């Protein structure tokens, strides 16, 4: 049985450092979480989320951060019970991905932590718990997650039916309510997060730290959605909100949601709204060029089309053979290209060179280096299956963690 000894949550910020080190914030089964552990995690979260590190904010957010540490302790204990471990290489890979996601140079994340006085081990502990829990969930629940062809067919048909419906790009923060007794507390915590967001808090980082939805891993970004696919409470909120608007706490099944509408698109869409990162090599060719020159340029472009196997290779060829008219075109909306080029560019795979195509002032070769699908683009069958599997995994994982909480001895002292 869970035993929660709840007292008024207040950190003794003015206490001597040695007292902070020895004080216990909570006991989870036979392991302790110290007040210094809690203070370090608060410091990390506030720095990453751009929340001012003040005694008031620590008191407001402290209880939820402590609950997160308790959950991580339970997750690590369960991983240990199942002999599941996390290697240094796995942690380092995750560290590098975080740097890339935040567009930091190599070593930039360590520098960020140093600037904010956060010990690297604080972030390593958080990463380790996340990896361990992911491996635990997969090892324990894999046999229970089955997606049938019928489920995929039904989802694909529904998506096809709504292909041209108005869409919204939405981000979420989900805070679970596990029992009626928690409702008021979770509601108050949602209000506090909204206060921080209105004061300049970073939505993706706050979602990563506090949201209990699978989208937390990507900063709460749900992507482009049709509002009617959401619960009625969330759909009504999204439909009345404008791009850039943040919702109040929304009570729906399972808990409270904070919704951010990033953008909206009217009905229609299609390949014109797709965005591509384009690389070009172009050989100038005057309209009145003799036939021999046309043949020479066509042969040169055909050779480039066959040789280039990556955007880096295409860029190098361009520098060598046509430096004045070649290079990176950046992100381009397909609908802004000449009509004759749109089907060709849309059909290209990433890092696939086009056949020679007429360009303004010459003949050239295009390559798509990256792609952002249009809001109305349908996912592939494989993507639909993976999404359905992820939804089932997450539902079972939340139940798994809730069971661990119920079976644990949890003594909250701070």
Protein backbone atom coordinates (compact mmCIF):
# COMPACT_ATOMS: atom_id res chain seq x y z
CA UNK A 1 0.00 0.00 0.00
CA UNK A 2 1.13 3.50 -0.69
CA UNK A 3 1.67 5.53 2.40
CA UNK A 4 1.90 9.23 1.62
CA UNK A 5 2.82 11.43 4.52
CA UNK A 6 1.98 14.84 3.11
CA UNK A 7 3.23 17.91 4.91
CA UNK A 8 3.40 21.53 3.85
CA UNK A 9 5.93 21.58 1.02
CA UNK A 10 8.65 24.07 1.78
CA UNK A 11 12.37 23.89 1.02
CA UNK A 12 14.69 25.28 3.65
CA UNK A 13 16.56 27.38 1.12
CA UNK A 14 18.42 29.30 3.78
CA UNK A 15 19.67 26.18 5.58
CA UNK A 16 23.40 25.37 5.56
CA UNK A 17 24.64 23.24 2.65
CA UNK A 18 25.53 20.26 4.87
CA UNK A 19 21.98 20.22 6.29
CA UNK A 20 20.51 20.20 2.80
CA UNK A 21 22.72 17.23 1.88
CA UNK A 22 21.56 15.12 4.83
CA UNK A 23 17.84 15.96 4.78
CA UNK A 24 15.51 13.46 3.13
CA UNK A 25 12.76 14.69 0.82
CA UNK A 26 11.13 11.28 0.33
CA UNK A 27 11.67 7.57 0.84
CA UNK A 28 10.65 5.22 -1.99
CA UNK A 29 10.57 1.65 -0.72
CA UNK A 30 14.05 1.39 0.82
CA UNK A 31 15.72 4.23 -1.12
CA UNK A 32 15.88 7.91 -0.25
CA UNK A 33 15.58 11.05 -2.34
CA UNK A 34 17.54 13.83 -0.66
CA UNK A 35 16.61 17.49 -0.53
CA UNK A 36 19.80 18.19 -2.48
CA UNK A 37 18.63 15.80 -5.24
CA UNK A 38 15.36 17.71 -5.41
CA UNK A 39 17.09 21.11 -5.43
CA UNK A 40 19.42 20.00 -8.23
CA UNK A 41 16.54 18.79 -10.40
CA UNK A 42 14.65 22.04 -9.78
CA UNK A 43 17.71 23.98 -10.92
CA UNK A 44 17.96 21.91 -14.12
CA UNK A 45 14.27 22.24 -14.98
CA UNK A 46 14.13 25.97 -14.36
CA UNK A 47 17.25 26.62 -16.44
CA UNK A 48 16.01 24.47 -19.36
CA UNK A 49 12.46 25.86 -19.24
CA UNK A 50 13.46 29.51 -18.73
CA UNK A 51 11.51 29.66 -15.46
CA UNK A 52 13.03 32.19 -13.03
CA UNK A 53 14.77 30.35 -10.20
CA UNK A 54 13.05 32.03 -7.26
CA UNK A 55 12.00 30.66 -3.85
CA UNK A 56 8.36 31.25 -4.87
CA UNK A 57 8.69 29.21 -8.07
CA UNK A 58 10.53 26.45 -6.23
CA UNK A 59 7.71 26.21 -3.73
CA UNK A 60 5.06 26.26 -6.48
CA UNK A 61 6.68 23.58 -8.65
CA UNK A 62 8.49 21.57 -5.99
CA UNK A 63 5.78 19.04 -5.19
CA UNK A 64 5.34 17.99 -8.83
CA UNK A 65 9.10 17.79 -9.39
CA UNK A 66 9.37 15.58 -6.31
CA UNK A 67 6.63 13.32 -7.68
CA UNK A 68 8.64 13.05 -10.91
CA UNK A 69 11.72 11.99 -8.92
CA UNK A 70 9.61 9.43 -7.05
CA UNK A 71 8.35 7.98 -10.33
CA UNK A 72 11.90 7.79 -11.68
CA UNK A 73 13.01 5.98 -8.53
CA UNK A 74 10.20 3.45 -9.00
CA UNK A 75 11.14 3.02 -12.66
CA UNK A 76 14.80 2.43 -11.83
CA UNK A 77 13.89 -0.05 -9.09
CA UNK A 78 11.71 -2.01 -11.50
CA UNK A 79 14.45 -2.01 -14.14
CA UNK A 80 16.91 -3.32 -11.56
CA UNK A 81 14.47 -6.06 -10.55
CA UNK A 82 14.32 -7.18 -14.19
CA UNK A 83 18.14 -6.95 -14.58
CA UNK A 84 17.79 -4.13 -17.11
CA UNK A 85 20.73 -1.74 -17.27
CA UNK A 86 21.71 1.38 -19.21
CA UNK A 87 25.17 1.70 -20.71
CA UNK A 88 27.34 4.81 -20.81
CA UNK A 89 27.14 4.68 -24.61
CA UNK A 90 23.33 4.87 -24.49
CA UNK A 91 23.46 7.87 -22.18
CA UNK A 92 26.06 9.61 -24.35
CA UNK A 93 23.97 9.01 -27.47
CA UNK A 94 20.94 10.55 -25.76
CA UNK A 95 23.10 13.47 -24.62
CA UNK A 96 24.22 14.06 -28.22
CA UNK A 97 20.62 13.90 -29.48
CA UNK A 98 19.60 16.54 -26.94
CA UNK A 99 22.38 18.79 -28.23
CA UNK A 100 21.21 18.30 -31.82
CA UNK A 101 17.52 18.89 -30.94
CA UNK A 102 18.42 22.15 -29.23
CA UNK A 103 20.78 23.17 -32.08
CA UNK A 104 23.79 23.26 -29.79
CA UNK A 105 27.35 22.61 -30.99
CA UNK A 106 29.33 19.64 -29.74
CA UNK A 107 29.88 20.22 -26.03
CA UNK A 108 27.24 22.95 -25.99
CA UNK A 109 24.99 21.11 -23.55
CA UNK A 110 27.82 20.72 -21.03
CA UNK A 111 28.55 24.42 -21.39
CA UNK A 112 24.85 25.27 -20.84
CA UNK A 113 24.79 23.19 -17.64
CA UNK A 114 28.01 24.81 -16.42
CA UNK A 115 26.67 28.32 -17.07
CA UNK A 116 23.59 27.59 -14.95
CA UNK A 117 25.48 25.84 -12.16
CA UNK A 118 23.86 22.45 -12.86
CA UNK A 119 25.94 19.33 -12.26
CA UNK A 120 26.09 17.07 -15.32
CA UNK A 121 25.08 14.08 -13.16
CA UNK A 122 21.63 15.65 -12.61
CA UNK A 123 20.80 15.43 -16.32
CA UNK A 124 22.51 12.05 -16.64
CA UNK A 125 20.26 10.66 -13.88
CA UNK A 126 17.16 11.92 -15.68
CA UNK A 127 18.30 10.48 -19.03
CA UNK A 128 19.23 7.15 -17.44
CA UNK A 129 15.80 6.76 -15.82
CA UNK A 130 14.07 7.57 -19.12
CA UNK A 131 16.10 4.99 -21.07
CA UNK A 132 15.73 2.34 -18.37
CA UNK A 133 11.95 2.79 -18.22
CA UNK A 134 11.65 2.60 -22.00
CA UNK A 135 13.57 -0.68 -22.04
CA UNK A 136 11.53 -2.00 -19.11
CA UNK A 137 8.24 -1.19 -20.81
CA UNK A 138 9.30 -2.82 -24.08
CA UNK A 139 10.60 -5.94 -22.34
CA UNK A 140 7.50 -6.34 -20.19
CA UNK A 141 4.65 -5.23 -22.44
CA UNK A 142 5.76 -6.11 -25.97
CA UNK A 143 3.66 -9.27 -26.09
CA UNK A 144 0.55 -7.33 -25.06
CA UNK A 145 0.81 -4.76 -27.85
CA UNK A 146 -0.72 -6.12 -31.03
CA UNK A 147 -2.08 -3.97 -33.86
CA UNK A 148 -4.33 -5.76 -36.33
CA UNK A 149 -4.62 -5.10 -40.05
CA UNK A 150 -8.23 -4.16 -39.43
CA UNK A 151 -7.20 -1.39 -37.01
CA UNK A 152 -4.70 -0.01 -39.51
CA UNK A 153 -7.28 -0.20 -42.33
CA UNK A 154 -9.87 1.64 -40.25
CA UNK A 155 -7.40 4.38 -39.31
CA UNK A 156 -6.19 4.78 -42.90
CA UNK A 157 -9.80 5.03 -44.14
CA UNK A 158 -10.65 7.68 -41.53
CA UNK A 159 -7.54 9.70 -42.44
CA UNK A 160 -8.36 9.46 -46.14
CA UNK A 161 -11.92 10.62 -45.51
CA UNK A 162 -10.64 13.71 -43.70
CA UNK A 163 -7.67 14.35 -46.00
CA UNK A 164 -8.84 17.82 -47.03
CA UNK A 165 -10.39 18.91 -43.72
CA UNK A 166 -9.11 22.04 -41.92
CA UNK A 167 -6.14 21.23 -39.71
CA UNK A 168 -4.38 22.72 -36.73
CA UNK A 169 -0.83 22.22 -35.55
CA UNK A 170 -1.12 21.70 -31.80
CA UNK A 171 1.21 21.14 -28.86
CA UNK A 172 0.07 19.72 -25.52
CA UNK A 173 1.02 19.31 -21.90
CA UNK A 174 -0.90 16.48 -20.21
CA UNK A 175 -1.06 16.14 -16.42
CA UNK A 176 -2.63 12.89 -15.27
CA UNK A 177 -5.15 12.66 -12.43
CA UNK A 178 -4.85 9.18 -10.93
CA UNK A 179 -7.55 9.62 -8.28
CA UNK A 180 -10.35 12.11 -7.49
CA UNK A 181 -8.34 13.30 -4.48
CA UNK A 182 -5.61 14.59 -6.83
CA UNK A 183 -7.89 16.63 -9.07
CA UNK A 184 -7.61 19.97 -7.27
CA UNK A 185 -3.85 19.66 -6.79
CA UNK A 186 -3.22 18.85 -10.47
CA UNK A 187 -5.51 21.70 -11.54
CA UNK A 188 -3.54 24.13 -9.39
CA UNK A 189 -0.28 22.84 -10.85
CA UNK A 190 -1.60 23.34 -14.39
CA UNK A 191 -2.45 26.94 -13.44
CA UNK A 192 1.12 27.44 -12.24
CA UNK A 193 2.60 26.10 -15.47
CA UNK A 194 0.38 28.44 -17.47
CA UNK A 195 1.59 31.37 -15.37
CA UNK A 196 5.18 30.41 -16.19
CA UNK A 197 4.38 30.03 -19.90
CA UNK A 198 2.76 33.47 -20.01
CA UNK A 199 5.87 34.84 -18.27
CA UNK A 200 8.21 33.53 -20.97
CA UNK A 201 8.61 29.85 -20.06
CA UNK A 202 9.70 27.56 -22.90
CA UNK A 203 6.71 25.40 -23.90
CA UNK A 204 8.69 22.48 -25.44
CA UNK A 205 11.03 22.27 -22.46
CA UNK A 206 8.20 22.50 -19.91
CA UNK A 207 6.34 19.78 -21.83
CA UNK A 208 9.43 17.57 -21.81
CA UNK A 209 9.81 17.97 -18.06
CA UNK A 210 6.20 17.75 -16.88
CA UNK A 211 3.88 16.33 -19.56
CA UNK A 212 2.79 12.71 -19.11
CA UNK A 213 1.90 12.22 -22.76
CA UNK A 214 4.10 10.39 -25.32
CA UNK A 215 4.47 13.74 -27.09
CA UNK A 216 6.60 14.97 -24.16
CA UNK A 217 9.63 13.52 -25.96
CA UNK A 218 9.12 16.03 -28.80
CA UNK A 219 8.20 19.00 -26.65
CA UNK A 220 4.48 18.27 -26.71
CA UNK A 221 4.17 18.71 -30.49
CA UNK A 222 1.19 16.68 -31.76
CA UNK A 223 1.84 17.75 -35.35
CA UNK A 224 -0.95 18.66 -37.77
CA UNK A 225 -4.24 17.25 -36.60
CA UNK A 226 -7.93 17.41 -37.45
CA UNK A 227 -9.58 18.81 -34.29
CA UNK A 228 -12.47 16.34 -34.54
CA UNK A 229 -9.95 13.54 -33.87
CA UNK A 230 -9.47 14.92 -30.36
CA UNK A 231 -11.79 14.53 -27.40
CA UNK A 232 -14.82 16.90 -27.53
CA UNK A 233 -13.35 19.11 -24.79
CA UNK A 234 -10.03 19.55 -26.61
CA UNK A 235 -11.62 19.88 -30.06
CA UNK A 236 -13.87 22.71 -28.85
CA UNK A 237 -10.87 24.56 -27.41
CA UNK A 238 -8.71 24.15 -30.54
CA UNK A 239 -11.53 25.28 -32.83
CA UNK A 240 -12.03 28.56 -30.99
CA UNK A 241 -8.31 29.32 -30.48
CA UNK A 242 -6.08 31.38 -32.78
CA UNK A 243 -2.49 30.53 -33.79
CA UNK A 244 -0.12 31.36 -30.95
CA UNK A 245 -2.87 31.15 -28.31
CA UNK A 246 -2.45 29.15 -25.10
CA UNK A 247 -5.44 27.51 -23.42
CA UNK A 248 -6.48 27.47 -19.80
CA UNK A 249 -6.39 24.02 -18.11
CA UNK A 250 -8.84 21.71 -19.90
CA UNK A 251 -10.31 18.80 -17.93
CA UNK A 252 -10.71 15.76 -20.18
CA UNK A 253 -10.39 12.00 -19.83
CA UNK A 254 -7.44 11.11 -17.64
CA UNK A 255 -6.45 14.53 -16.41
CA UNK A 256 -5.78 18.14 -17.39
CA UNK A 257 -4.45 19.44 -20.71
CA UNK A 258 -2.70 22.68 -21.60
CA UNK A 259 -3.01 23.31 -25.35
CA UNK A 260 -0.94 25.59 -27.58
CA UNK A 261 -2.20 26.18 -31.12
CA UNK A 262 0.92 26.71 -33.22
CA UNK A 263 -0.71 27.20 -36.62
CA UNK A 264 -3.87 26.55 -38.61
CA UNK A 265 -4.61 25.58 -42.20
CA UNK A 266 -7.88 25.91 -44.07
CA UNK A 267 -9.42 23.00 -45.94
CA UNK A 268 -7.54 21.78 -48.98
CA UNK A 269 -3.77 21.64 -48.90
CA UNK A 270 -1.89 19.12 -51.01
CA UNK A 271 1.61 18.93 -52.43
CA UNK A 272 1.79 22.71 -52.92
CA UNK A 273 2.10 23.17 -49.14
CA UNK A 274 4.95 20.68 -48.86
CA UNK A 275 8.32 22.26 -48.04
CA UNK A 276 11.65 20.90 -49.26
CA UNK A 277 15.27 21.78 -48.65
CA UNK A 278 16.70 21.96 -52.18
CA UNK A 279 20.22 21.73 -53.63
CA UNK A 280 20.82 22.76 -57.24
CA UNK A 281 23.48 22.41 -59.91
CA UNK A 282 22.68 24.47 -62.99
CA UNK A 283 24.57 24.84 -66.26
CA UNK A 284 23.78 28.14 -68.00
CA UNK A 285 22.29 27.76 -71.44
CA UNK A 286 21.13 30.76 -73.51
CA UNK A 287 17.82 30.34 -75.31
CA UNK A 288 19.55 30.83 -78.69
CA UNK A 289 22.41 28.41 -77.99
CA UNK A 290 23.46 26.21 -80.91
CA UNK A 291 22.46 22.56 -80.92
CA UNK A 292 25.99 21.43 -80.13
CA UNK A 293 26.00 23.52 -76.93
CA UNK A 294 22.61 22.18 -75.92
CA UNK A 295 23.89 18.61 -76.33
CA UNK A 296 27.04 19.37 -74.32
CA UNK A 297 25.06 20.89 -71.44
CA UNK A 298 22.52 18.05 -71.50
CA UNK A 299 25.35 15.48 -71.28
CA UNK A 300 26.98 17.34 -68.40
CA UNK A 301 23.68 17.51 -66.47
CA UNK A 302 22.97 13.82 -67.13
CA UNK A 303 26.43 12.94 -65.78
CA UNK A 304 25.77 14.95 -62.59
CA UNK A 305 22.41 13.22 -62.15
CA UNK A 306 24.09 9.81 -62.26
CA UNK A 307 27.10 10.69 -60.07
CA UNK A 308 25.55 12.59 -57.14
CA UNK A 309 24.40 10.38 -54.28
CA UNK A 310 24.00 12.98 -51.54
CA UNK A 311 23.49 16.69 -51.12
CA UNK A 312 27.11 16.99 -50.07
CA UNK A 313 28.28 15.35 -53.29
CA UNK A 314 25.96 17.50 -55.39
CA UNK A 315 27.22 20.65 -53.68
CA UNK A 316 30.83 19.62 -54.34
CA UNK A 317 30.09 18.95 -58.02
CA UNK A 318 28.40 22.33 -58.28
CA UNK A 319 31.43 24.11 -56.80
CA UNK A 320 33.69 22.37 -59.29
CA UNK A 321 31.62 22.61 -62.47
CA UNK A 322 29.21 25.55 -62.13
CA UNK A 323 30.08 27.58 -59.02
CA UNK A 324 28.21 30.74 -60.08
CA UNK A 325 24.81 29.08 -60.58
CA UNK A 326 24.80 26.19 -58.10
CA UNK A 327 24.29 25.75 -54.40
CA UNK A 328 21.84 25.42 -51.54
CA UNK A 329 18.43 26.97 -52.26
CA UNK A 330 17.29 26.52 -48.65
CA UNK A 331 13.71 25.66 -47.72
CA UNK A 332 11.26 26.12 -50.58
CA UNK A 333 7.50 25.67 -50.69
CA UNK A 334 6.70 23.30 -53.55
CA UNK A 335 3.79 25.51 -54.63
CA UNK A 336 6.25 28.40 -55.17
CA UNK A 337 8.27 26.43 -57.76
CA UNK A 338 7.50 26.72 -61.48
CA UNK A 339 4.50 24.48 -62.31
CA UNK A 340 6.60 22.18 -64.49
CA UNK A 341 9.00 21.41 -61.60
CA UNK A 342 6.46 20.69 -58.86
CA UNK A 343 5.63 17.05 -59.73
CA UNK A 344 9.33 16.23 -60.24
CA UNK A 345 10.41 17.70 -56.88
CA UNK A 346 7.46 16.17 -55.04
CA UNK A 347 8.32 12.70 -56.42
CA UNK A 348 12.01 12.87 -55.45
CA UNK A 349 13.21 10.86 -52.48
CA UNK A 350 15.60 12.52 -50.06
CA UNK A 351 19.16 12.52 -51.51
CA UNK A 352 17.87 11.41 -54.93
CA UNK A 353 19.12 13.47 -57.88
CA UNK A 354 16.56 14.55 -60.43
CA UNK A 355 16.97 13.92 -64.13
CA UNK A 356 18.15 17.02 -66.04
CA UNK A 357 15.37 19.62 -65.82
CA UNK A 358 14.94 23.00 -67.49
CA UNK A 359 15.65 25.86 -65.09
CA UNK A 360 15.47 29.59 -65.64
CA UNK A 361 18.59 30.39 -67.62
CA UNK A 362 19.81 26.86 -68.13
CA UNK A 363 19.56 23.16 -67.50
CA UNK A 364 20.22 21.57 -64.16
CA UNK A 365 19.82 18.89 -61.52
CA UNK A 366 17.85 19.24 -58.26
CA UNK A 367 18.09 17.20 -55.08
CA UNK A 368 15.84 17.21 -52.00
CA UNK A 369 18.00 17.28 -48.85
CA UNK A 370 15.09 17.30 -46.38
CA UNK A 371 11.32 17.45 -46.52
CA UNK A 372 8.44 18.75 -44.41
CA UNK A 373 5.21 17.10 -45.53
CA UNK A 374 2.21 19.30 -46.15
CA UNK A 375 -0.34 19.33 -43.30
CA UNK A 376 -2.74 17.31 -45.44
CA UNK A 377 -0.25 14.58 -46.37
CA UNK A 378 -1.39 11.12 -45.33
CA UNK A 379 0.98 8.95 -43.27
CA UNK A 380 2.14 5.66 -44.72
CA UNK A 381 0.66 2.37 -43.56
CA UNK A 382 3.85 1.66 -41.60
CA UNK A 383 3.63 5.04 -39.85
CA UNK A 384 -0.01 4.40 -38.92
CA UNK A 385 0.90 1.01 -37.45
CA UNK A 386 3.79 2.49 -35.45
CA UNK A 387 1.55 5.28 -34.12
CA UNK A 388 -1.12 2.80 -33.00
CA UNK A 389 1.53 0.64 -31.33
CA UNK A 390 2.94 3.68 -29.53
CA UNK A 391 -0.52 4.67 -28.25
CA UNK A 392 -1.09 1.18 -26.85
CA UNK A 393 2.38 1.07 -25.31
CA UNK A 394 1.81 4.39 -23.60
CA UNK A 395 -1.58 3.38 -22.18
CA UNK A 396 -0.12 0.17 -20.75
CA UNK A 397 3.00 1.96 -19.49
CA UNK A 398 0.91 4.49 -17.54
CA UNK A 399 -1.05 1.63 -15.98
CA UNK A 400 2.22 -0.17 -15.19
CA UNK A 401 3.63 2.88 -13.37
CA UNK A 402 0.34 3.47 -11.54
CA UNK A 403 0.48 -0.12 -10.25
CA UNK A 404 4.06 0.41 -9.08
CA UNK A 405 2.96 3.49 -7.14
CA UNK A 406 0.11 1.63 -5.48
CA UNK A 407 2.34 -1.23 -4.40
CA UNK A 408 5.19 0.98 -3.15
CA UNK A 409 5.99 2.42 0.26
CA UNK A 410 6.30 6.17 -0.36
CA UNK A 411 7.04 8.50 2.52
CA UNK A 412 7.11 12.20 1.53
CA UNK A 413 8.94 14.15 4.24
CA UNK A 414 9.84 17.54 2.72
